[in-house]
Amino acid sequence: PPVGPALGQAGINIMGFTKEFNARTADQAGMIIPVVISVYEDKSFTFVTKTPPAAVLLKKAAGVEKGSGTPNKTKVATVTRAQVQEIAETKMPDLNA
């Protein structure tokens, strides 16, 4: 969901958040990056970025933009065991939180 309205409602400087978020995630351009934002009483904030969702990583590894319209019937791509292992290793920090 868009963070602009939620941050604005909390009195947070949206441009400040956007600049900091873009700086931290510049190496992951085009990916969906979940973020946990903590807002404090003095209107300051901190945030922690998480790894992209597994579905996004699987689609990227498979080289497709979206999954099958009829799952379990029409296969649109395959991924190797090595790719799945790499995705699991990428997701490990979030799973051990």
C-alpha atoms as a PDB file:
ATOM      1  CA  PRO A   1       0.000   0.000   0.000  1.00  0.00           C
ATOM      2  CA  PRO A   2       1.118   3.592  -0.539  1.00  0.00           C
ATOM      3  CA  VAL A   3       3.021   5.008   2.416  1.00  0.00           C
ATOM      4  CA  GLY A   4       2.466   8.690   1.581  1.00  0.00           C
ATOM      5  CA  PRO A   5      -0.967   9.071   3.223  1.00  0.00           C
ATOM      6  CA  ALA A   6       0.069   7.073   6.303  1.00  0.00           C
ATOM      7  CA  LEU A   7       3.264   9.078   6.782  1.00  0.00           C
ATOM      8  CA  GLY A   8       1.503  12.389   6.151  1.00  0.00           C
ATOM      9  CA  GLN A   9      -1.142  11.505   8.711  1.00  0.00           C
ATOM     10  CA  ALA A  10       1.617  10.838  11.266  1.00  0.00           C
ATOM     11  CA  GLY A  11       3.260  14.189  10.455  1.00  0.00           C
ATOM     12  CA  ILE A  12       6.344  12.664   8.844  1.00  0.00           C
ATOM     13  CA  ASN A  13       8.364  14.466   6.176  1.00  0.00           C
ATOM     14  CA  ILE A  14       7.469  12.341   3.145  1.00  0.00           C
ATOM     15  CA  MET A  15      10.312  13.701   1.005  1.00  0.00           C
ATOM     16  CA  GLY A  16      12.833  12.901   3.756  1.00  0.00           C
ATOM     17  CA  PHE A  17      11.563   9.331   3.993  1.00  0.00           C
ATOM     18  CA  THR A  18      11.531   8.911   0.215  1.00  0.00           C
ATOM     19  CA  LYS A  19      15.126  10.130  -0.180  1.00  0.00           C
ATOM     20  CA  GLU A  20      16.397   7.871   2.600  1.00  0.00           C
ATOM     21  CA  PHE A  21      14.422   4.862   1.308  1.00  0.00           C
ATOM     22  CA  ASN A  22      15.680   5.381  -2.259  1.00  0.00           C
ATOM     23  CA  ALA A  23      19.270   5.704  -1.031  1.00  0.00           C
ATOM     24  CA  ARG A  24      19.060   2.439   0.937  1.00  0.00           C
ATOM     25  CA  THR A  25      17.361   0.489  -1.849  1.00  0.00           C
ATOM     26  CA  ALA A  26      19.162   1.900  -4.903  1.00  0.00           C
ATOM     27  CA  ASP A  27      20.749  -1.502  -5.619  1.00  0.00           C
ATOM     28  CA  GLN A  28      17.311  -3.160  -5.734  1.00  0.00           C
ATOM     29  CA  ALA A  29      15.619  -0.902  -8.289  1.00  0.00           C
ATOM     30  CA  GLY A  30      12.425  -2.360  -9.717  1.00  0.00           C
ATOM     31  CA  MET A  31      11.904  -4.799  -6.825  1.00  0.00           C
ATOM     32  CA  ILE A  32       9.118  -4.711  -4.242  1.00  0.00           C
ATOM     33  CA  ILE A  33      10.783  -3.942  -0.915  1.00  0.00           C
ATOM     34  CA  PRO A  34       8.723  -4.400   2.264  1.00  0.00           C
ATOM     35  CA  VAL A  35       9.579  -1.909   5.004  1.00  0.00           C
ATOM     36  CA  VAL A  36       8.750  -1.604   8.708  1.00  0.00           C
ATOM     37  CA  ILE A  37       8.494   2.053   9.756  1.00  0.00           C
ATOM     38  CA  SER A  38       8.661   3.214  13.382  1.00  0.00           C
ATOM     39  CA  VAL A  39       7.367   6.738  14.043  1.00  0.00           C
ATOM     40  CA  TYR A  40       8.272   8.468  17.305  1.00  0.00           C
ATOM     41  CA  GLU A  41       6.454  11.186  19.261  1.00  0.00           C
ATOM     42  CA  ASP A  42       8.894  13.877  18.098  1.00  0.00           C
ATOM     43  CA  LYS A  43       7.888  13.070  14.470  1.00  0.00           C
ATOM     44  CA  SER A  44      11.210  11.365  13.759  1.00  0.00           C
ATOM     45  CA  PHE A  45      11.239   7.905  12.219  1.00  0.00           C
ATOM     46  CA  THR A  46      13.352   4.856  11.591  1.00  0.00           C
ATOM     47  CA  PHE A  47      12.733   2.063   9.151  1.00  0.00           C
ATOM     48  CA  VAL A  48      13.995  -1.416   8.429  1.00  0.00           C
ATOM     49  CA  THR A  49      13.907  -2.832   4.919  1.00  0.00           C
ATOM     50  CA  LYS A  50      13.079  -6.494   4.424  1.00  0.00           C
ATOM     51  CA  THR A  51      13.895  -8.831   1.553  1.00  0.00           C
ATOM     52  CA  PRO A  52      11.528  -8.924  -1.432  1.00  0.00           C
ATOM     53  CA  PRO A  53       8.643 -11.422  -1.254  1.00  0.00           C
ATOM     54  CA  ALA A  54       9.519 -14.967  -2.339  1.00  0.00           C
ATOM     55  CA  ALA A  55       7.003 -14.787  -5.201  1.00  0.00           C
ATOM     56  CA  VAL A  56       8.797 -11.755  -6.644  1.00  0.00           C
ATOM     57  CA  LEU A  57      12.176 -13.487  -6.368  1.00  0.00           C
ATOM     58  CA  LEU A  58      10.794 -16.649  -8.000  1.00  0.00           C
ATOM     59  CA  LYS A  59       9.315 -14.697 -10.934  1.00  0.00           C
ATOM     60  CA  LYS A  60      12.632 -12.886 -11.405  1.00  0.00           C
ATOM     61  CA  ALA A  61      14.579 -16.172 -11.333  1.00  0.00           C
ATOM     62  CA  ALA A  62      12.133 -17.739 -13.802  1.00  0.00           C
ATOM     63  CA  GLY A  63      12.302 -14.717 -16.096  1.00  0.00           C
ATOM     64  CA  VAL A  64       8.543 -14.120 -16.176  1.00  0.00           C
ATOM     65  CA  GLU A  65       6.508 -11.022 -15.326  1.00  0.00           C
ATOM     66  CA  LYS A  66       3.534 -12.846 -13.849  1.00  0.00           C
ATOM     67  CA  GLY A  67       2.536 -16.347 -12.881  1.00  0.00           C
ATOM     68  CA  SER A  68       0.233 -18.728 -14.691  1.00  0.00           C
ATOM     69  CA  GLY A  69      -3.429 -17.821 -15.037  1.00  0.00           C
ATOM     70  CA  THR A  70      -4.288 -21.443 -14.288  1.00  0.00           C
ATOM     71  CA  PRO A  71      -1.869 -22.743 -11.635  1.00  0.00           C
ATOM     72  CA  ASN A  72      -1.131 -26.495 -11.570  1.00  0.00           C
ATOM     73  CA  LYS A  73      -2.430 -26.814 -15.147  1.00  0.00           C
ATOM     74  CA  THR A  74      -0.447 -24.404 -17.300  1.00  0.00           C
ATOM     75  CA  LYS A  75       3.256 -24.113 -16.500  1.00  0.00           C
ATOM     76  CA  VAL A  76       4.850 -20.835 -17.589  1.00  0.00           C
ATOM     77  CA  ALA A  77       8.433 -21.342 -16.380  1.00  0.00           C
ATOM     78  CA  THR A  78      10.795 -23.458 -14.330  1.00  0.00           C
ATOM     79  CA  VAL A  79      13.509 -22.677 -11.805  1.00  0.00           C
ATOM     80  CA  THR A  80      16.502 -24.793 -10.887  1.00  0.00           C
ATOM     81  CA  ARG A  81      17.236 -26.207  -7.461  1.00  0.00           C
ATOM     82  CA  ALA A  82      20.233 -23.843  -7.270  1.00  0.00           C
ATOM     83  CA  GLN A  83      17.961 -20.843  -7.933  1.00  0.00           C
ATOM     84  CA  VAL A  84      15.558 -21.966  -5.191  1.00  0.00           C
ATOM     85  CA  GLN A  85      18.478 -22.385  -2.785  1.00  0.00           C
ATOM     86  CA  GLU A  86      19.733 -18.882  -3.634  1.00  0.00           C
ATOM     87  CA  ILE A  87      16.247 -17.443  -2.996  1.00  0.00           C
ATOM     88  CA  ALA A  88      16.039 -19.291   0.334  1.00  0.00           C
ATOM     89  CA  GLU A  89      19.427 -17.908   1.366  1.00  0.00           C
ATOM     90  CA  THR A  90      18.286 -14.403   0.380  1.00  0.00           C
ATOM     91  CA  LYS A  91      15.127 -14.764   2.502  1.00  0.00           C
ATOM     92  CA  MET A  92      16.936 -16.268   5.519  1.00  0.00           C
ATOM     93  CA  PRO A  93      17.514 -12.962   7.423  1.00  0.00           C
ATOM     94  CA  ASP A  94      13.762 -12.252   7.436  1.00  0.00           C
ATOM     95  CA  LEU A  95      12.876 -15.794   8.458  1.00  0.00           C
ATOM     96  CA  ASN A  96      15.249 -15.714  11.440  1.00  0.00           C
ATOM     97  CA  ALA A  97      14.060 -12.334  12.720  1.00  0.00           C
END
